[in-house]
Amino acid sequence: MQPTIEILDRIRKNSRDNKEEIFTRLYRYLLRPDLYYLAYKNLYANKGAGTKGVNDDTADGFSKEKVDRIIQSLAD
């Protein structure tokens, strides 16, 4: 299985090069845990990562269990 970052880079390049193309089957990438770890890495580095959101959650509340719940909800 290819790392998600490589897939995202390829999608980014393809969308830039083929502006008229319609991309399908992107939903399946939301079921890959490494996507959430990559997003967390990028978000946590942000100065506002400790600021509570609308549901009183912060980046500090990130965990494997949370990723598993998100993926399971999407799969259901």
N, C-alpha and C. Protein backbone atom coordinates (compact mmCIF):
# COMPACT_ATOMS: atom_id res chain seq x y z
N MET A 1 0.84 -1.17 0.00
CA MET A 1 0.00 0.00 0.00
C MET A 1 0.90 1.25 0.00
N GLN A 2 0.60 2.18 -0.89
CA GLN A 2 1.37 3.42 -0.97
C GLN A 2 1.08 4.31 0.22
N PRO A 3 2.09 5.02 0.70
CA PRO A 3 1.82 5.99 1.77
C PRO A 3 0.86 7.07 1.27
N THR A 4 -0.01 7.52 2.13
CA THR A 4 -1.02 8.51 1.76
C THR A 4 -0.39 9.79 1.23
N ILE A 5 0.73 10.21 1.78
CA ILE A 5 1.37 11.44 1.33
C ILE A 5 1.75 11.35 -0.15
N GLU A 6 2.20 10.20 -0.59
CA GLU A 6 2.53 10.02 -2.00
C GLU A 6 1.28 10.09 -2.86
N ILE A 7 0.21 9.50 -2.38
CA ILE A 7 -1.06 9.53 -3.11
C ILE A 7 -1.58 10.96 -3.20
N LEU A 8 -1.54 11.69 -2.08
CA LEU A 8 -2.01 13.07 -2.08
C LEU A 8 -1.17 13.95 -3.01
N ASP A 9 0.13 13.73 -3.03
CA ASP A 9 1.00 14.48 -3.95
C ASP A 9 0.64 14.19 -5.40
N ARG A 10 0.37 12.94 -5.71
CA ARG A 10 -0.01 12.56 -7.08
C ARG A 10 -1.37 13.17 -7.46
N ILE A 11 -2.33 13.16 -6.53
CA ILE A 11 -3.63 13.76 -6.78
C ILE A 11 -3.47 15.27 -7.00
N ARG A 12 -2.66 15.91 -6.17
CA ARG A 12 -2.42 17.35 -6.31
C ARG A 12 -1.83 17.68 -7.68
N LYS A 13 -0.84 16.91 -8.10
CA LYS A 13 -0.21 17.13 -9.40
C LYS A 13 -1.20 16.88 -10.53
N ASN A 14 -1.96 15.79 -10.44
CA ASN A 14 -2.94 15.48 -11.49
C ASN A 14 -4.03 16.55 -11.58
N SER A 15 -4.48 17.06 -10.45
CA SER A 15 -5.53 18.07 -10.48
C SER A 15 -5.00 19.39 -11.02
N ARG A 16 -3.75 19.69 -10.74
CA ARG A 16 -3.14 20.90 -11.28
C ARG A 16 -2.94 20.80 -12.80
N ASP A 17 -2.55 19.61 -13.25
CA ASP A 17 -2.28 19.40 -14.68
C ASP A 17 -3.54 19.14 -15.50
N ASN A 18 -4.62 18.69 -14.86
CA ASN A 18 -5.85 18.32 -15.56
C ASN A 18 -7.05 19.01 -14.90
N LYS A 19 -7.14 20.31 -15.08
CA LYS A 19 -8.16 21.10 -14.38
C LYS A 19 -9.59 20.71 -14.75
N GLU A 20 -9.80 20.13 -15.91
CA GLU A 20 -11.15 19.76 -16.33
C GLU A 20 -11.55 18.36 -15.86
N GLU A 21 -10.59 17.60 -15.38
CA GLU A 21 -10.87 16.22 -14.98
C GLU A 21 -11.66 16.17 -13.67
N ILE A 22 -12.53 15.20 -13.58
CA ILE A 22 -13.31 14.97 -12.36
C ILE A 22 -12.69 13.77 -11.66
N PHE A 23 -12.33 13.96 -10.41
CA PHE A 23 -11.69 12.89 -9.65
C PHE A 23 -12.74 12.16 -8.82
N THR A 24 -12.71 10.87 -8.90
CA THR A 24 -13.65 10.03 -8.16
C THR A 24 -12.86 9.10 -7.24
N ARG A 25 -13.55 8.42 -6.38
CA ARG A 25 -12.98 7.45 -5.45
C ARG A 25 -11.99 8.07 -4.46
N LEU A 26 -12.16 9.36 -4.17
CA LEU A 26 -11.30 10.01 -3.19
C LEU A 26 -11.70 9.67 -1.76
N TYR A 27 -12.96 9.31 -1.59
CA TYR A 27 -13.49 9.00 -0.26
C TYR A 27 -12.69 7.90 0.44
N ARG A 28 -12.23 6.95 -0.32
CA ARG A 28 -11.51 5.81 0.29
C ARG A 28 -10.26 6.24 1.05
N TYR A 29 -9.68 7.37 0.65
CA TYR A 29 -8.48 7.84 1.35
C TYR A 29 -8.80 8.36 2.75
N LEU A 30 -10.06 8.71 2.98
CA LEU A 30 -10.46 9.14 4.32
C LEU A 30 -10.53 7.98 5.30
N LEU A 31 -10.41 6.77 4.80
CA LEU A 31 -10.44 5.58 5.66
C LEU A 31 -9.03 5.10 6.01
N ARG A 32 -8.03 5.90 5.67
CA ARG A 32 -6.64 5.53 5.94
C ARG A 32 -6.13 6.29 7.17
N PRO A 33 -5.74 5.58 8.21
CA PRO A 33 -5.29 6.24 9.44
C PRO A 33 -4.12 7.20 9.24
N ASP A 34 -3.20 6.89 8.34
CA ASP A 34 -2.03 7.76 8.18
C ASP A 34 -2.41 9.16 7.71
N LEU A 35 -3.55 9.31 7.06
CA LEU A 35 -4.03 10.64 6.66
C LEU A 35 -4.27 11.51 7.90
N TYR A 36 -4.85 10.93 8.94
CA TYR A 36 -5.16 11.68 10.15
C TYR A 36 -3.91 12.01 10.95
N TYR A 37 -2.94 11.11 10.95
CA TYR A 37 -1.68 11.39 11.65
C TYR A 37 -0.91 12.50 10.94
N LEU A 38 -0.97 12.50 9.62
CA LEU A 38 -0.33 13.57 8.85
C LEU A 38 -1.02 14.90 9.13
N ALA A 39 -2.35 14.90 9.14
CA ALA A 39 -3.10 16.13 9.43
C ALA A 39 -2.79 16.62 10.85
N TYR A 40 -2.72 15.70 11.79
CA TYR A 40 -2.41 16.07 13.17
C TYR A 40 -1.03 16.71 13.26
N LYS A 41 -0.09 16.13 12.58
CA LYS A 41 1.28 16.66 12.58
C LYS A 41 1.29 18.10 12.08
N ASN A 42 0.53 18.36 11.03
CA ASN A 42 0.47 19.71 10.46
C ASN A 42 -0.32 20.67 11.36
N LEU A 43 -1.38 20.19 11.97
CA LEU A 43 -2.20 21.04 12.83
C LEU A 43 -1.52 21.35 14.16
N TYR A 44 -0.87 20.36 14.73
CA TYR A 44 -0.29 20.53 16.05
C TYR A 44 0.83 21.57 16.03
N ALA A 45 1.50 21.70 14.89
CA ALA A 45 2.57 22.67 14.77
C ALA A 45 2.03 24.10 14.74
N ASN A 46 0.73 24.26 14.52
CA ASN A 46 0.08 25.56 14.46
C ASN A 46 -0.02 26.15 15.87
N LYS A 47 0.22 27.44 16.00
CA LYS A 47 0.17 28.09 17.31
C LYS A 47 -1.21 27.99 17.97
N GLY A 48 -2.27 27.90 17.18
CA GLY A 48 -3.62 27.84 17.72
C GLY A 48 -4.10 26.44 18.04
N ALA A 49 -3.22 25.45 18.01
CA ALA A 49 -3.63 24.06 18.21
C ALA A 49 -4.23 23.81 19.59
N GLY A 50 -3.87 24.62 20.57
CA GLY A 50 -4.40 24.44 21.92
C GLY A 50 -5.71 25.16 22.16
N THR A 51 -6.17 25.92 21.15
CA THR A 51 -7.42 26.67 21.29
C THR A 51 -8.61 25.72 21.14
N LYS A 52 -9.54 25.82 22.06
CA LYS A 52 -10.72 24.95 22.01
C LYS A 52 -11.58 25.30 20.80
N GLY A 53 -12.11 24.26 20.19
CA GLY A 53 -13.02 24.42 19.06
C GLY A 53 -14.45 24.50 19.52
N VAL A 54 -15.38 24.37 18.58
CA VAL A 54 -16.80 24.49 18.91
C VAL A 54 -17.28 23.38 19.84
N ASN A 55 -16.58 22.25 19.84
CA ASN A 55 -16.98 21.14 20.72
C ASN A 55 -16.02 21.01 21.91
N ASP A 56 -15.34 22.10 22.24
CA ASP A 56 -14.37 22.13 23.36
C ASP A 56 -13.22 21.15 23.21
N ASP A 57 -12.92 20.75 22.00
CA ASP A 57 -11.83 19.81 21.74
C ASP A 57 -10.60 20.59 21.25
N THR A 58 -9.44 20.10 21.58
CA THR A 58 -8.20 20.70 21.11
C THR A 58 -7.37 19.63 20.43
N ALA A 59 -6.25 20.03 19.83
CA ALA A 59 -5.36 19.07 19.19
C ALA A 59 -4.78 18.10 20.22
N ASP A 60 -4.77 18.50 21.49
CA ASP A 60 -4.26 17.62 22.54
C ASP A 60 -5.14 16.39 22.74
N GLY A 61 -6.39 16.44 22.27
CA GLY A 61 -7.31 15.32 22.42
C GLY A 61 -7.13 14.25 21.34
N PHE A 62 -6.12 14.39 20.52
CA PHE A 62 -5.87 13.44 19.44
C PHE A 62 -5.36 12.11 20.00
N SER A 63 -5.87 11.01 19.45
CA SER A 63 -5.41 9.69 19.89
C SER A 63 -5.75 8.66 18.81
N LYS A 64 -5.16 7.50 18.93
CA LYS A 64 -5.45 6.40 18.01
C LYS A 64 -6.93 6.04 18.09
N GLU A 65 -7.48 6.05 19.29
CA GLU A 65 -8.89 5.72 19.48
C GLU A 65 -9.79 6.72 18.76
N LYS A 66 -9.41 8.00 18.81
CA LYS A 66 -10.19 9.02 18.12
C LYS A 66 -10.15 8.80 16.61
N VAL A 67 -8.98 8.50 16.08
CA VAL A 67 -8.84 8.21 14.64
C VAL A 67 -9.70 6.99 14.29
N ASP A 68 -9.63 5.96 15.10
CA ASP A 68 -10.43 4.76 14.85
C ASP A 68 -11.93 5.07 14.83
N ARG A 69 -12.38 5.93 15.76
CA ARG A 69 -13.81 6.31 15.80
C ARG A 69 -14.22 7.09 14.56
N ILE A 70 -13.37 8.01 14.12
CA ILE A 70 -13.66 8.80 12.93
C ILE A 70 -13.77 7.89 11.71
N ILE A 71 -12.80 7.00 11.55
CA ILE A 71 -12.80 6.09 10.41
C ILE A 71 -14.01 5.16 10.45
N GLN A 72 -14.32 4.65 11.63
CA GLN A 72 -15.49 3.77 11.75
C GLN A 72 -16.77 4.51 11.42
N SER A 73 -16.90 5.75 11.87
CA SER A 73 -18.09 6.55 11.55
C SER A 73 -18.20 6.77 10.05
N LEU A 74 -17.10 7.06 9.40
CA LEU A 74 -17.12 7.27 7.95
C LEU A 74 -17.47 5.97 7.22
N ALA A 75 -16.94 4.87 7.71
CA ALA A 75 -17.19 3.58 7.06
C ALA A 75 -18.66 3.16 7.22
N ASP A 76 -19.24 3.49 8.35
CA ASP A 76 -20.65 3.14 8.59
C ASP A 76 -21.56 3.98 7.74
